[in-house]
C-alpha cells in the first residue's frame, strides 16, 4: 500500500504562523500535526508515503527524514487547483491500493480494519450537527450512493473527514483525469469527492466507516481545542521547574527553563523555551520562545518569539516580539 498526504495548502487561517512554516508542522500537544498523522500509520504495511508539498517542501522533507524511516517521495504542487488536482500528481507512482490522508484534522480510528475491507474502498466519516459546512456521503444498502460537497440542504449528517482508502487506484486516477480533462470543478476546484462520485457511477462499491474522534487543526481556536483534548487523553509530559506550579494536563518538552511561574492547565511548551514570572494556560508555545512577566490564555506563540509584560490573549508568529515595558 502507498499513502498520499496532500499538504500544499497555504494555511491562511493560521497566519502568521504559516508565513514561516507549513501548516502541518505546527505543534499540538508536543508534536506536529503531521507527526500525529504519520504515527497513525504504524499498524499498516506502507511501501511509500507520497507528500504533495507547496513552497516549503524542504521543511517537510527535513521533518520527515529526521523523525521517520518510511520511504518517502515529495512532489511539488505549483498550481492550487483543488485536492483532486493535488492527488492526481501522484498517479505515475501508485499502482496498488492507496490511503489518502488530509492534514487539517487528526483522527482516531483503527486503521488495521483496512486489511479486512471487501469493497472497493472506504471513506471515513463522522456525524455532525450542521452538514452544510462539509462534504457528506449518502448511504444506500450499506454502500455510498453519492457524495455531495457542502450541500445547501442537509441530505446527510455523515461528514467526510479527509481520510480515504481506495483499492482500485487506477480507477480513481482515471476518474481524476476525466474531471480535469472535462474541466468539471466544484466551487472552482477539482475535487477528489467528484472523482469518487464518478467511481460510484462506474460501479465501484465504497463503504463509510465512522471515526472515533475527529479533531480539527485548521484555525487557532480549533488547534487549541485539539490541544486540550490530546493533553487530556494521554499526551502529557512534565519537567522539573524552579519555584513554579504546574497544573496538568500539560506537555512541557525537555530543555525548558521555568522560574516563578504557573503553567497550565492545557499548556504545551516546546523545547528551548524560557519562562519567568508568568502564567500560561490553554496555550501553545513554540520552540525557543521567551516569555517574561506575562499572563497568557488561549494564545499561540511562535518559535523564537519574545513576549514581555503583557496580560492578554496573543497570536504571535515566529521571531516576533511583544514588549509593553
Protein backbone atom coordinates (compact mmCIF):
# COMPACT_ATOMS: atom_id res chain seq x y z
CA UNK A 1 0.00 0.00 0.00
CA UNK A 2 1.05 3.58 -0.66
CA UNK A 3 -0.05 6.68 1.19
CA UNK A 4 -0.71 10.11 -0.32
CA UNK A 5 -0.63 13.11 2.01
CA UNK A 6 -1.55 16.42 0.30
CA UNK A 7 -0.18 19.39 2.25
CA UNK A 8 0.43 22.19 -0.21
CA UNK A 9 -2.28 24.49 1.18
CA UNK A 10 -1.28 27.98 2.33
CA UNK A 11 -2.88 27.66 5.79
CA UNK A 12 -4.30 31.18 5.58
CA UNK A 13 -6.49 30.77 8.68
CA UNK A 14 -3.40 30.01 10.78
CA UNK A 15 -1.36 33.06 9.82
CA UNK A 16 1.01 34.50 10.98
CA UNK A 17 2.38 31.04 11.92
CA UNK A 18 2.11 29.68 8.38
CA UNK A 19 4.18 32.52 6.92
CA UNK A 20 7.31 30.75 8.21
CA UNK A 21 6.36 27.06 8.36
CA UNK A 22 3.92 24.70 6.63
CA UNK A 23 0.63 24.30 8.49
CA UNK A 24 1.20 20.56 9.14
CA UNK A 25 4.36 21.37 11.12
CA UNK A 26 2.50 23.41 13.73
CA UNK A 27 2.67 21.63 17.05
CA UNK A 28 -0.20 20.43 19.18
CA UNK A 29 0.28 18.51 22.45
CA UNK A 30 4.03 18.27 21.94
CA UNK A 31 4.10 17.02 18.35
CA UNK A 32 3.47 18.44 14.90
CA UNK A 33 0.07 17.79 13.32
CA UNK A 34 1.87 15.84 10.59
CA UNK A 35 3.64 13.75 13.23
CA UNK A 36 0.35 12.82 14.88
CA UNK A 37 -0.97 11.71 11.48
CA UNK A 38 2.08 9.68 10.44
CA UNK A 39 2.04 7.91 13.81
CA UNK A 40 -1.46 6.63 12.97
CA UNK A 41 0.03 4.65 10.06
CA UNK A 42 2.00 2.25 12.27
CA UNK A 43 -0.49 -0.68 12.02
CA UNK A 44 -0.18 -0.69 8.22
CA UNK A 45 2.35 -2.15 5.80
CA UNK A 46 3.37 1.02 3.99
CA UNK A 47 5.54 0.80 0.89
CA UNK A 48 5.92 4.55 0.43
CA UNK A 49 4.45 7.85 1.59
CA UNK A 50 3.97 10.45 -1.14
CA UNK A 51 3.87 14.02 0.12
CA UNK A 52 2.28 16.63 -2.16
CA UNK A 53 4.01 19.79 -1.00
CA UNK A 54 3.97 23.52 -1.58
CA UNK A 55 6.69 26.16 -1.43
CA UNK A 56 8.13 24.88 1.88
CA UNK A 57 8.93 21.38 0.65
CA UNK A 58 12.40 21.33 2.23
CA UNK A 59 10.97 21.88 5.71
CA UNK A 60 8.61 18.95 5.25
CA UNK A 61 11.47 16.75 3.98
CA UNK A 62 13.69 17.73 6.89
CA UNK A 63 10.98 16.95 9.44
CA UNK A 64 10.03 13.59 7.94
CA UNK A 65 13.61 12.37 7.38
CA UNK A 66 14.59 13.40 10.92
CA UNK A 67 11.72 11.61 12.61
CA UNK A 68 10.62 8.66 10.43
CA UNK A 69 12.16 5.85 8.41
CA UNK A 70 9.38 5.44 5.84
CA UNK A 71 10.36 5.53 2.17
CA UNK A 72 9.16 8.95 1.07
CA UNK A 73 8.58 10.81 -2.17
CA UNK A 74 7.98 14.55 -2.47
CA UNK A 75 6.03 16.14 -5.31
CA UNK A 76 5.72 19.90 -5.54
CA UNK A 77 2.26 21.27 -6.36
CA UNK A 78 2.71 24.51 -8.29
CA UNK A 79 -0.96 25.18 -9.00
CA UNK A 80 -3.54 25.20 -6.19
CA UNK A 81 -6.44 23.83 -8.21
CA UNK A 82 -8.06 21.63 -5.56
CA UNK A 83 -7.40 18.42 -3.66
CA UNK A 84 -8.26 16.25 -6.69
CA UNK A 85 -5.61 18.01 -8.76
CA UNK A 86 -3.08 17.54 -5.94
CA UNK A 87 -3.73 13.82 -5.58
CA UNK A 88 -3.58 13.29 -9.34
CA UNK A 89 0.05 14.47 -9.31
CA UNK A 90 0.93 11.10 -7.73
CA UNK A 91 -0.69 8.94 -10.43
CA UNK A 92 2.59 7.81 -12.02
CA UNK A 93 3.83 6.43 -8.70
CA UNK A 94 0.80 4.50 -7.44
CA UNK A 95 -0.22 1.19 -8.99
CA UNK A 96 -1.69 -0.55 -5.93
CA UNK A 97 -4.13 0.27 -3.17
CA UNK A 98 -3.73 3.70 -1.62
CA UNK A 99 -4.58 5.54 1.59
CA UNK A 100 -5.20 9.28 1.24
CA UNK A 101 -4.87 11.44 4.35
CA UNK A 102 -5.52 15.17 4.58
CA UNK A 103 -3.81 17.17 7.31
CA UNK A 104 -6.45 19.63 8.52
CA UNK A 105 -7.54 17.12 11.13
CA UNK A 106 -6.20 14.49 13.50
CA UNK A 107 -8.33 11.36 13.56
CA UNK A 108 -8.72 8.47 15.96
CA UNK A 109 -9.73 5.19 14.38
CA UNK A 110 -8.44 1.64 13.93
CA UNK A 111 -6.74 1.69 10.53
CA UNK A 112 -5.97 -2.03 10.77
CA UNK A 113 -9.59 -2.58 9.64
CA UNK A 114 -8.32 -1.77 6.14
CA UNK A 115 -6.90 -5.29 5.95
CA UNK A 116 -10.40 -6.80 6.02
CA UNK A 117 -12.11 -4.41 3.58
CA UNK A 118 -14.11 -6.38 0.98
CA UNK A 119 -15.44 -3.43 -1.02
CA UNK A 120 -13.56 -1.16 -3.43
CA UNK A 121 -12.69 1.30 -0.71
CA UNK A 122 -13.62 3.23 2.41
CA UNK A 123 -14.47 6.86 3.12
CA UNK A 124 -14.22 7.75 6.81
CA UNK A 125 -16.94 9.98 8.21
CA UNK A 126 -18.36 11.42 11.40
CA UNK A 127 -21.86 12.58 12.27
CA UNK A 128 -22.14 16.37 12.54
CA UNK A 129 -24.89 18.77 13.56
CA UNK A 130 -24.51 21.09 10.56
CA UNK A 131 -23.58 19.11 7.42
CA UNK A 132 -23.73 22.21 5.19
CA UNK A 133 -20.11 23.01 6.14
CA UNK A 134 -18.74 19.69 4.88
CA UNK A 135 -18.73 17.18 2.09
CA UNK A 136 -21.15 14.41 3.05
CA UNK A 137 -21.96 10.86 1.98
CA UNK A 138 -25.42 9.44 1.33
CA UNK A 139 -25.74 5.72 2.06
CA UNK A 140 -27.86 3.05 0.45
CA UNK A 141 -27.71 -0.63 1.40
CA UNK A 142 -24.52 -0.07 3.44
CA UNK A 143 -22.69 1.46 0.46
CA UNK A 144 -22.16 5.09 -0.50
CA UNK A 145 -24.78 6.10 -3.06
CA UNK A 146 -23.39 9.58 -3.67
CA UNK A 147 -21.06 12.23 -2.30
CA UNK A 148 -22.15 15.86 -2.08
CA UNK A 149 -19.80 18.75 -1.36
CA UNK A 150 -21.22 21.24 1.20
CA UNK A 151 -24.90 20.66 0.42
CA UNK A 152 -27.23 23.64 0.70
CA UNK A 153 -29.90 21.30 2.07
CA UNK A 154 -28.93 18.76 4.75
CA UNK A 155 -29.31 15.47 2.87
CA UNK A 156 -26.99 13.60 5.24
CA UNK A 157 -25.21 14.28 8.52
CA UNK A 158 -22.25 12.00 7.73
CA UNK A 159 -19.38 14.42 7.08
CA UNK A 160 -16.23 13.33 5.23
CA UNK A 161 -13.19 13.86 7.47
CA UNK A 162 -10.44 13.69 4.82
CA UNK A 163 -9.39 10.04 5.13
CA UNK A 164 -9.87 7.58 2.25
CA UNK A 165 -8.76 4.05 1.33
CA UNK A 166 -9.05 3.06 -2.33
CA UNK A 167 -8.27 -0.48 -3.52
CA UNK A 168 -8.55 0.27 -7.24
CA UNK A 169 -6.22 3.25 -7.53
CA UNK A 170 -6.12 3.03 -11.32
CA UNK A 171 -9.88 3.67 -11.49
CA UNK A 172 -9.56 6.59 -9.09
CA UNK A 173 -6.82 8.21 -11.17
CA UNK A 174 -8.80 7.55 -14.35
CA UNK A 175 -11.76 9.42 -12.82
CA UNK A 176 -9.50 12.25 -11.68
CA UNK A 177 -8.13 12.51 -15.21
CA UNK A 178 -11.68 12.67 -16.55
CA UNK A 179 -12.85 15.51 -14.31
CA UNK A 180 -9.67 17.50 -15.05
CA UNK A 181 -9.88 16.88 -18.81
CA UNK A 182 -13.56 17.87 -18.86
CA UNK A 183 -12.90 20.83 -16.51
CA UNK A 184 -15.51 19.59 -14.01
CA UNK A 185 -14.96 21.81 -10.99
CA UNK A 186 -16.77 22.24 -7.68
CA UNK A 187 -16.58 25.81 -6.41
CA UNK A 188 -13.71 26.42 -8.84
CA UNK A 189 -11.61 23.39 -7.85
CA UNK A 190 -11.02 19.82 -8.96
CA UNK A 191 -12.21 17.70 -6.05
CA UNK A 192 -11.46 14.14 -5.03
CA UNK A 193 -15.11 13.85 -3.95
CA UNK A 194 -16.21 14.34 -7.56
CA UNK A 195 -13.83 11.62 -8.76
CA UNK A 196 -15.16 9.25 -6.09
CA UNK A 197 -18.68 10.05 -7.25
CA UNK A 198 -17.65 9.14 -10.80
CA UNK A 199 -16.17 5.89 -9.50
CA UNK A 200 -19.51 5.05 -7.89
CA UNK A 201 -21.31 5.77 -11.17
CA UNK A 202 -18.89 3.33 -12.82
CA UNK A 203 -19.91 0.60 -10.39
CA UNK A 204 -17.37 0.95 -7.57
CA UNK A 205 -18.63 -0.02 -4.12
CA UNK A 206 -17.40 2.26 -1.36
CA UNK A 207 -18.19 1.89 2.34
CA UNK A 208 -18.38 4.59 5.00
CA UNK A 209 -16.74 3.99 8.37
CA UNK A 210 -17.18 6.35 11.30
CA UNK A 211 -14.08 7.52 13.18
CA UNK A 212 -13.90 7.52 16.97
CA UNK A 213 -12.73 11.13 17.09
CA UNK A 214 -12.23 13.93 14.59
CA UNK A 215 -10.02 16.79 15.78
CA UNK A 216 -9.77 19.94 13.69
CA UNK A 217 -6.41 21.75 13.40
CA UNK A 218 -7.31 24.26 10.73
CA UNK A 219 -7.60 27.52 12.70
CA UNK A 220 -6.33 28.93 16.04
CA UNK A 221 -9.39 28.17 18.16
CA UNK A 222 -9.69 24.58 16.93
CA UNK A 223 -5.94 23.99 17.24
CA UNK A 224 -6.23 24.97 20.91
CA UNK A 225 -9.31 22.78 21.32
CA UNK A 226 -7.44 19.80 19.85
CA UNK A 227 -4.51 20.58 22.15
CA UNK A 228 -6.85 20.41 25.15
CA UNK A 229 -8.32 17.09 24.04
CA UNK A 230 -4.97 15.42 23.37
CA UNK A 231 -3.48 16.64 26.64
CA UNK A 232 -6.48 15.17 28.45
CA UNK A 233 -6.12 11.83 26.66
CA UNK A 234 -2.58 10.70 27.24
CA UNK A 235 -0.40 13.28 25.51
CA UNK A 236 1.10 14.90 28.58
CA UNK A 237 4.58 15.42 29.97
CA UNK A 238 6.08 17.41 32.83
CA UNK A 239 9.55 18.56 33.84
CA UNK A 240 11.23 19.97 36.92
CA UNK A 241 10.76 23.70 37.41
CA UNK A 242 12.11 26.38 39.74
CA UNK A 243 9.73 27.86 42.31
CA UNK A 244 6.79 27.24 39.98
CA UNK A 245 3.46 25.43 39.89
CA UNK A 246 2.44 23.11 37.05
CA UNK A 247 -1.26 22.32 36.76
CA UNK A 248 -1.88 19.36 34.49
CA UNK A 249 -2.53 18.26 31.92
CA UNK A 250 0.38 19.91 30.15
CA UNK A 251 3.10 18.94 27.67
CA UNK A 252 6.44 20.54 28.51
CA UNK A 253 9.34 19.37 26.38
CA UNK A 254 12.90 18.94 27.62
CA UNK A 255 15.34 21.85 27.80
CA UNK A 256 12.67 24.27 29.01
CA UNK A 257 13.51 26.67 31.87
CA UNK A 258 10.58 27.76 34.02
CA UNK A 259 11.01 30.08 37.01
CA UNK A 260 8.47 31.70 39.36
CA UNK A 261 5.58 30.82 37.10
CA UNK A 262 2.27 28.96 36.89
CA UNK A 263 1.91 26.66 33.90
CA UNK A 264 -1.37 25.01 32.92
CA UNK A 265 -3.77 23.57 32.63
CA UNK A 266 -3.74 22.77 28.88
CA UNK A 267 -0.39 24.35 28.06
CA UNK A 268 2.06 22.94 25.51
CA UNK A 269 5.58 24.34 25.81
CA UNK A 270 8.19 23.43 23.17
CA UNK A 271 11.90 22.77 23.67
CA UNK A 272 14.27 25.64 24.42
CA UNK A 273 11.69 28.00 25.93
CA UNK A 274 12.50 30.32 28.83
CA UNK A 275 9.54 31.33 31.02
CA UNK A 276 9.90 33.66 34.00
CA UNK A 277 7.35 35.31 36.31
CA UNK A 278 4.46 34.31 34.08
CA UNK A 279 1.13 32.48 33.97
CA UNK A 280 0.43 30.38 30.89
CA UNK A 281 -2.71 28.30 30.41
CA UNK A 282 -4.69 26.93 27.47
CA UNK A 283 -1.89 27.95 25.10
CA UNK A 284 0.71 26.55 22.70
CA UNK A 285 4.22 27.99 22.85
CA UNK A 286 6.76 27.31 20.10
CA UNK A 287 10.45 26.41 20.33
CA UNK A 288 12.95 28.82 21.92
CA UNK A 289 10.29 31.38 22.84
CA UNK A 290 10.99 33.70 25.76
CA UNK A 291 8.09 34.76 27.99
CA UNK A 292 8.63 37.13 30.92
CA UNK A 293 6.19 38.91 33.24
CA UNK A 294 3.21 37.81 31.17
CA UNK A 295 -0.17 36.15 31.65
CA UNK A 296 -1.30 34.26 28.57
CA UNK A 297 -4.57 32.43 27.98
CA UNK A 298 -5.86 30.86 24.74
CA UNK A 299 -2.70 32.03 22.98
CA UNK A 300 -0.44 30.80 20.18
CA UNK A 301 3.21 31.85 20.41
CA UNK A 302 5.59 31.12 17.54
CA UNK A 303 9.17 29.86 17.59
CA UNK A 304 11.80 32.27 18.98
CA UNK A 305 9.15 34.85 19.87
CA UNK A 306 9.64 37.27 22.76
CA UNK A 307 6.65 38.13 24.96
CA UNK A 308 7.16 40.56 27.87
CA UNK A 309 4.89 42.49 30.20
CA UNK A 310 1.57 41.60 28.65
CA UNK A 311 -1.64 40.22 30.15
CA UNK A 312 -3.80 39.19 27.24
CA UNK A 313 -4.62 36.64 24.59
CA UNK A 314 -1.98 36.74 21.83
CA UNK A 315 -1.44 35.11 18.44
CA UNK A 316 2.22 35.77 17.64
CA UNK A 317 4.26 34.27 14.80
CA UNK A 318 7.87 33.10 14.69
CA UNK A 319 10.66 35.58 15.55
CA UNK A 320 8.19 38.24 16.71
CA UNK A 321 8.36 40.49 19.74
CA UNK A 322 5.71 41.92 22.04
CA UNK A 323 7.03 44.10 24.83
CA UNK A 324 4.90 46.60 26.75
CA UNK A 325 7.63 47.57 29.20
